[in-house]
Protein backbone atom coordinates (compact mmCIF):
# COMPACT_ATOMS: atom_id res chain seq x y z
CA MET A 1 -12.15 -31.25 24.11
CA ARG A 2 -15.10 -29.80 22.06
CA GLY A 3 -12.96 -26.62 21.38
CA LEU A 4 -10.20 -28.92 20.06
CA CYS A 5 -12.58 -30.67 17.83
CA LEU A 6 -13.98 -27.42 16.45
CA LEU A 7 -10.38 -26.17 15.84
CA LEU A 8 -9.41 -29.31 13.98
CA GLY A 9 -12.62 -29.22 11.92
CA TRP A 10 -11.81 -25.64 11.05
CA LEU A 11 -8.32 -26.34 10.04
CA VAL A 12 -9.24 -29.49 8.07
CA GLY A 13 -12.26 -27.87 6.41
CA GLY A 14 -10.41 -24.64 5.64
CA VAL A 15 -11.80 -21.12 5.71
CA ALA A 16 -13.67 -19.63 2.82
CA TRP A 17 -12.77 -15.89 2.86
CA ALA A 18 -15.04 -14.73 -0.06
CA ASP A 19 -18.50 -16.02 -0.20
CA GLU A 20 -20.66 -16.64 -3.35
CA ARG A 21 -21.84 -13.10 -3.54
CA ASP A 22 -18.19 -11.75 -3.59
CA LEU A 23 -17.34 -14.23 -6.41
CA GLN A 24 -20.45 -13.22 -8.39
CA ALA A 25 -19.70 -9.52 -7.95
CA GLU A 26 -16.09 -9.85 -9.16
CA GLN A 27 -17.34 -12.15 -12.05
CA ALA A 28 -19.86 -9.45 -13.09
CA ARG A 29 -17.32 -6.73 -12.94
CA LEU A 30 -15.03 -8.65 -15.21
CA GLN A 31 -17.82 -9.68 -17.57
CA ALA A 32 -18.68 -5.96 -18.08
CA ARG A 33 -15.04 -5.70 -19.48
CA GLY A 34 -15.41 -8.84 -21.69
CA GLN A 35 -13.38 -11.08 -19.28
CA ALA A 36 -14.06 -13.97 -16.97
CA LEU A 37 -12.90 -14.97 -13.48
CA LEU A 38 -10.43 -17.72 -13.99
CA PRO A 39 -10.41 -20.94 -11.82
CA MET A 40 -7.21 -19.82 -10.22
CA GLU A 41 -8.67 -16.44 -9.37
CA GLN A 42 -11.73 -18.02 -7.83
CA THR A 43 -9.42 -20.10 -5.53
CA GLN A 44 -7.54 -17.00 -4.60
CA LEU A 45 -10.78 -15.14 -3.62
CA ARG A 46 -12.02 -18.25 -1.64
CA ASP A 47 -8.67 -18.97 0.09
CA ARG A 48 -7.29 -15.32 0.70
CA GLY A 49 -10.29 -13.20 0.22
CA TRP A 50 -8.66 -11.36 -2.63
CA ARG A 51 -7.16 -12.08 -6.07
CA ASP A 52 -3.91 -10.87 -7.78
CA ARG A 53 -4.42 -8.42 -10.59
CA ARG A 54 -3.66 -9.53 -14.23
CA PRO A 55 -0.74 -7.95 -16.22
CA GLY A 56 -1.94 -4.73 -17.69
CA GLU A 57 -4.94 -4.55 -15.34
CA VAL A 58 -5.21 -1.42 -13.18
CA ARG A 59 -3.77 -2.22 -9.75
CA PRO A 60 -6.21 -0.58 -7.41
CA LEU A 61 -5.70 0.18 -3.78
CA VAL A 62 -6.18 -2.72 -1.29
CA SER A 63 -9.81 -3.80 -1.16
CA ALA A 64 -11.84 -6.77 -0.15
CA LEU A 65 -11.61 -8.36 -3.69
CA ALA A 66 -8.15 -7.11 -4.93
CA ARG A 67 -4.70 -6.49 -3.84
CA PRO A 68 -1.72 -5.55 -6.00
CA ALA A 69 0.44 -8.72 -6.85
CA ASP A 70 3.38 -7.42 -4.77
CA TYR A 71 1.21 -6.80 -1.61
CA GLN A 72 3.04 -8.07 1.46
CA THR A 73 1.40 -6.78 4.55
CA ASP A 74 -0.87 -3.96 5.74
CA VAL A 75 2.14 -1.58 5.94
CA HIS A 76 3.62 -2.80 2.61
CA ARG A 77 0.46 -2.82 0.35
CA GLY A 78 2.17 -3.10 -2.96
CA THR A 79 2.53 -1.01 -6.07
CA VAL A 80 -0.48 0.83 -7.61
CA GLU A 81 -0.98 3.54 -10.33
CA TYR A 82 -1.70 7.16 -9.52
CA LEU A 83 -5.30 8.21 -10.20
CA PRO A 84 -6.36 11.83 -9.34
CA THR A 85 -9.60 10.54 -7.86
CA TRP A 86 -7.91 8.46 -5.15
CA THR A 87 -6.46 10.42 -2.18
CA ASN A 88 -5.08 7.83 0.13
CA TYR A 89 -2.01 5.98 -0.91
CA SER A 90 -0.61 5.34 2.61
CA PHE A 91 1.70 2.26 2.76
CA HIS A 92 1.62 1.79 -1.03
CA GLN A 93 4.37 2.48 -3.59
CA VAL A 94 2.82 4.66 -6.25
CA GLU A 95 3.55 4.94 -10.03
CA ILE A 96 3.17 8.62 -10.93
CA PRO A 97 3.89 9.87 -14.37
CA ASP A 98 6.68 12.37 -14.81
CA GLY A 99 5.73 16.02 -14.36
CA THR A 100 2.39 15.31 -12.60
CA VAL A 101 0.92 17.80 -10.14
CA VAL A 102 -0.33 15.86 -7.23
CA VAL A 103 -2.92 17.56 -4.93
CA GLY A 104 -4.26 16.63 -1.57
CA VAL A 105 -2.91 13.14 -1.41
CA ASN A 106 -1.78 11.08 1.50
CA LEU A 107 1.39 9.05 0.75
CA SER A 108 2.46 8.52 4.48
CA GLN A 109 4.64 5.49 5.27
CA ILE A 110 5.63 3.60 8.40
CA ALA A 111 9.33 4.13 8.45
CA PRO A 112 11.39 7.35 7.74
CA GLN A 113 13.00 7.66 4.25
CA THR A 114 10.61 5.13 2.48
CA GLU A 115 10.48 5.49 -1.24
CA ALA A 116 6.74 5.74 -1.77
CA VAL A 117 6.97 6.91 -5.36
CA ARG A 118 8.50 4.57 -7.92
CA ARG A 119 11.23 6.17 -9.92
CA ALA A 120 11.74 4.54 -13.41
CA PRO A 121 11.91 5.92 -16.94
CA GLY A 122 8.58 7.94 -17.29
CA LEU A 123 7.73 7.69 -13.57
CA GLY A 124 8.47 9.72 -10.48
CA GLN A 125 10.51 12.55 -11.96
CA ALA A 126 9.85 16.42 -11.75
CA LEU A 127 6.68 15.93 -9.57
CA THR A 128 4.87 18.69 -7.80
CA PHE A 129 3.03 17.91 -4.53
CA ARG A 130 0.49 20.51 -3.27
CA ASP A 131 -1.14 20.17 0.18
CA CYS A 132 -0.04 16.49 0.55
CA ASN A 133 0.88 14.27 3.46
CA LEU A 134 4.44 12.97 2.70
CA THR A 135 5.23 11.87 6.25
CA ASN A 136 8.25 9.42 6.16
CA VAL A 137 8.43 9.71 2.26
CA ARG A 138 11.79 10.07 0.81
CA THR A 139 11.80 13.20 -1.43
CA PHE A 140 13.96 14.07 -4.38
CA PRO A 141 15.68 17.34 -5.54
CA ASP A 142 13.57 17.46 -8.81
CA TRP A 143 10.35 17.39 -6.77
CA THR A 144 8.52 20.55 -5.80
CA LEU A 145 6.58 20.56 -2.35
CA VAL A 146 4.06 23.27 -1.78
CA GLY A 147 2.24 23.30 1.54
CA SER A 148 2.99 19.63 2.01
CA ASN A 149 4.08 17.76 5.20
CA ASN A 150 7.39 15.95 4.71
CA ALA A 151 8.23 15.33 8.31
CA GLN A 152 9.99 12.13 9.20
CA VAL A 153 8.84 10.40 12.35
CA ASP A 154 9.99 7.16 13.92
CA MET A 155 8.28 4.96 16.58
CA VAL A 156 10.21 4.03 19.80
CA LEU A 157 9.33 2.59 23.08
CA ASP A 158 9.27 4.70 26.21
CA ALA A 159 10.18 3.77 29.77
CA GLN A 160 6.64 2.11 30.20
CA GLY A 161 7.05 0.09 27.12
CA GLU A 162 4.50 2.16 25.10
CA ARG A 163 5.12 2.98 21.56
CA VAL A 164 5.52 6.68 21.03
CA PRO A 165 6.32 8.82 17.92
CA VAL A 166 9.57 10.58 17.90
CA PHE A 167 10.15 13.53 15.47
CA VAL A 168 13.33 12.73 13.35
CA ALA A 169 13.48 15.62 10.83
CA SER A 170 11.42 18.17 9.23
CA ARG A 171 12.47 17.15 5.72
CA SER A 172 13.52 13.73 4.32
CA GLU A 173 17.01 14.98 3.33
CA ASP A 174 17.69 15.99 6.87
CA VAL A 175 17.18 12.47 8.41
CA PRO A 176 20.49 11.39 10.25
CA ALA A 177 22.19 8.43 8.48
CA LEU A 178 21.74 6.24 11.62
CA ARG A 179 17.96 6.69 11.48
CA VAL A 180 17.50 5.35 7.90
CA ARG A 181 15.86 1.94 7.80
CA PRO A 182 17.06 -0.84 5.60
CA VAL A 183 14.88 -1.68 2.68
CA GLY A 184 11.93 -3.91 3.86
CA ALA A 185 12.30 -2.85 7.61
CA LEU A 186 8.98 -2.15 9.26
CA GLU A 187 10.02 -0.54 12.47
C-alpha cells in the first residue's frame, strides 16, 4: 500500500528532470550570447531534462541540456551540423557542407543503408571520408572513402534468442534489396 501511495504521489507531483543548477547553467550560457531562457524552455528542461534548439541556433549533439528538435529516440538522435571538433555522430543525421573532407569521425547507424548524411542543395555532395566509421551508412557515388569502414551489419536472434550481429555486405551499395530497412525502422 505504501508503494502505491508513493507511486501516486510521484505521478501527481511529476518529475523534475533538470534541477535549479541546470536551469542556471543554461541561462548563463544563453546570457553570454545576449539571450534569455524562455519560460517554455524552462518548462522543457524541467519536464524532459532538455530543451529544443531555436531556429538558427547550432544543433549540438545530444546532451543533458539540449537535443535537436527532431530527436526521436537514442537511436534516432536528430539532425546536427558537422563541426570538425566533434568526432562521434552515431545515430544522428549530419549536415555536412559540399566538398568537405571528414577525418576520423564515427557516423555509425543501427540499421543497414541508413542515410546518415543529409543531402540537400549545398549539403552532402562530393564528400571525402578519411579513417571514418561508416557502419550501416548509405554511401553515394560522388563520395570518396579512404581507409573508412563502410560495412553493413544487421542484428538477428540466434537459436537461444540472443541478439547477434550478422555481416550483410562490405559496402553499402552491395546490400541485398531484401535487407534494406524501410525509413524509420529500428531493427
